[in-house]
Protein backbone atom coordinates (compact mmCIF):
# COMPACT_ATOMS: atom_id res chain seq x y z
CA MET A 1 32.43 8.17 11.73
CA ASN A 2 31.99 7.88 15.48
CA LYS A 3 29.20 5.41 16.27
CA ASN A 4 27.86 7.77 18.98
CA VAL A 5 27.10 10.40 16.35
CA LEU A 6 23.48 10.60 15.17
CA LEU A 7 23.72 11.16 11.40
CA VAL A 8 21.11 12.96 9.33
CA ASN A 9 21.86 11.63 5.86
CA SER A 10 19.58 13.94 3.91
CA SER A 11 19.86 17.16 1.99
CA SER A 12 16.11 17.84 2.24
CA ILE A 13 14.76 21.00 3.81
CA PRO A 14 13.66 20.13 7.37
CA VAL A 15 10.01 20.49 8.32
CA VAL A 16 9.22 21.38 11.94
CA GLU A 17 5.73 20.34 13.04
CA ILE A 18 4.73 22.43 16.06
CA ASP A 19 1.98 21.45 18.52
CA THR A 20 1.52 24.42 20.87
CA ALA A 21 -1.21 22.65 22.90
CA ALA A 22 1.22 19.82 23.75
CA SER A 23 4.29 22.10 23.97
CA SER A 24 6.04 19.85 21.47
CA ALA A 25 7.75 19.94 18.12
CA TYR A 26 8.84 17.27 15.64
CA VAL A 27 11.69 18.01 13.25
CA ARG A 28 11.31 15.82 10.16
CA PHE A 29 14.46 15.48 8.10
CA LYS A 30 13.02 12.92 5.68
CA ARG A 31 10.13 10.50 5.29
CA ASP A 32 11.15 6.94 6.05
CA ALA A 33 10.13 3.99 8.18
CA VAL A 34 10.98 4.31 11.88
CA ALA A 35 13.01 1.28 12.95
CA LYS A 36 14.02 2.56 16.38
CA THR A 37 13.36 5.51 18.70
CA ILE A 38 16.00 6.52 21.22
CA ALA A 39 15.76 8.94 24.14
CA ILE A 40 18.43 11.60 24.52
CA ASP A 41 19.70 12.06 28.06
CA SER A 42 20.54 15.56 29.17
CA PRO A 43 22.57 16.50 32.25
CA ARG A 44 20.40 19.59 32.76
CA PRO A 45 16.65 20.04 33.02
CA GLY A 46 14.85 20.62 29.76
CA PRO A 47 12.55 19.05 27.23
CA LEU A 48 12.17 15.33 26.65
CA ILE A 49 13.99 14.55 23.41
CA THR A 50 13.64 11.43 21.29
CA VAL A 51 15.26 10.61 17.96
CA ASP A 52 13.68 8.38 15.29
CA LEU A 53 16.10 6.24 13.26
CA ASN A 54 15.53 4.34 10.04
CA PRO A 55 16.79 0.76 9.47
CA LYS A 56 20.22 2.16 8.44
CA LYS A 57 20.39 3.98 11.83
CA GLU A 58 20.13 7.38 10.15
CA VAL A 59 18.10 10.14 11.80
CA ILE A 60 14.73 10.76 10.18
CA GLY A 61 13.25 12.97 12.90
CA VAL A 62 13.66 14.49 16.34
CA GLU A 63 10.80 15.08 18.80
CA LEU A 64 10.97 17.62 21.61
CA VAL A 65 8.29 17.62 24.32
CA GLY A 66 8.10 20.39 26.89
CA VAL A 67 9.23 23.32 24.76
CA LYS A 68 7.72 26.79 24.87
CA GLU A 69 9.86 28.33 22.15
CA PHE A 70 11.54 26.49 19.37
CA ASN A 71 13.92 27.12 16.52
CA ILE A 72 16.24 24.88 14.58
CA ARG A 73 19.39 26.33 16.20
CA ARG A 74 18.06 25.36 19.65
CA LEU A 75 17.69 21.80 18.43
CA LEU A 76 21.35 21.70 17.53
CA MET A 77 22.29 22.82 21.04
CA LEU A 78 20.00 20.25 22.71
CA VAL A 79 21.26 17.28 20.66
CA PRO A 80 25.06 17.70 20.55
CA ARG A 81 25.56 14.24 18.97
CA LEU A 82 23.48 15.24 15.92
CA SER A 83 25.45 15.57 12.69
CA ALA A 84 23.63 17.05 9.71
CA PRO A 85 26.27 18.26 7.28
CA ARG A 86 24.00 18.52 4.20
CA VAL A 87 20.78 19.77 5.80
CA LYS A 88 19.59 23.22 4.70
CA PHE A 89 18.71 24.58 8.16
CA ALA A 90 18.32 28.16 6.92
CA GLU A 91 15.40 27.03 4.72
CA THR A 92 13.52 25.16 7.48
CA HIS A 93 9.71 25.11 7.11
CA TYR A 94 7.57 25.50 10.25
CA VAL A 95 4.01 24.11 10.19
CA ARG A 96 1.26 23.37 12.69
CA ALA A 97 1.24 19.68 13.71
CA GLY A 98 -1.15 17.67 11.56
CA THR A 99 -0.79 20.00 8.58
CA PRO A 100 -0.10 18.05 5.38
CA VAL A 101 3.25 18.94 3.86
CA LEU A 102 2.67 19.42 0.14
CA CYS A 103 6.26 19.31 -0.95
CA GLU A 104 9.63 18.48 0.48
CA ALA A 105 12.73 19.52 -1.38
């Protein structure tokens, strides 16, 4: 696999934590320790995007700051290097930031 690709190695249902007061969203693909956070550069104006990686350099979450509307398809367009072949995007859960997630598939 290309080392520039950001791999989501999880088949869990993503959880999107939305903070409308901060105009931000965090897409959690799985719970794991964050070993590194990288910023995603974009050639056009838009939200600030950071990606959290675990020690294996797999994506565990993506944060977007400066968004007014958000859906999982928009994330895919904003992070073209993201590869998530097993993620069930159609089943994404959306919650208010700070809300405990009772179950993750």
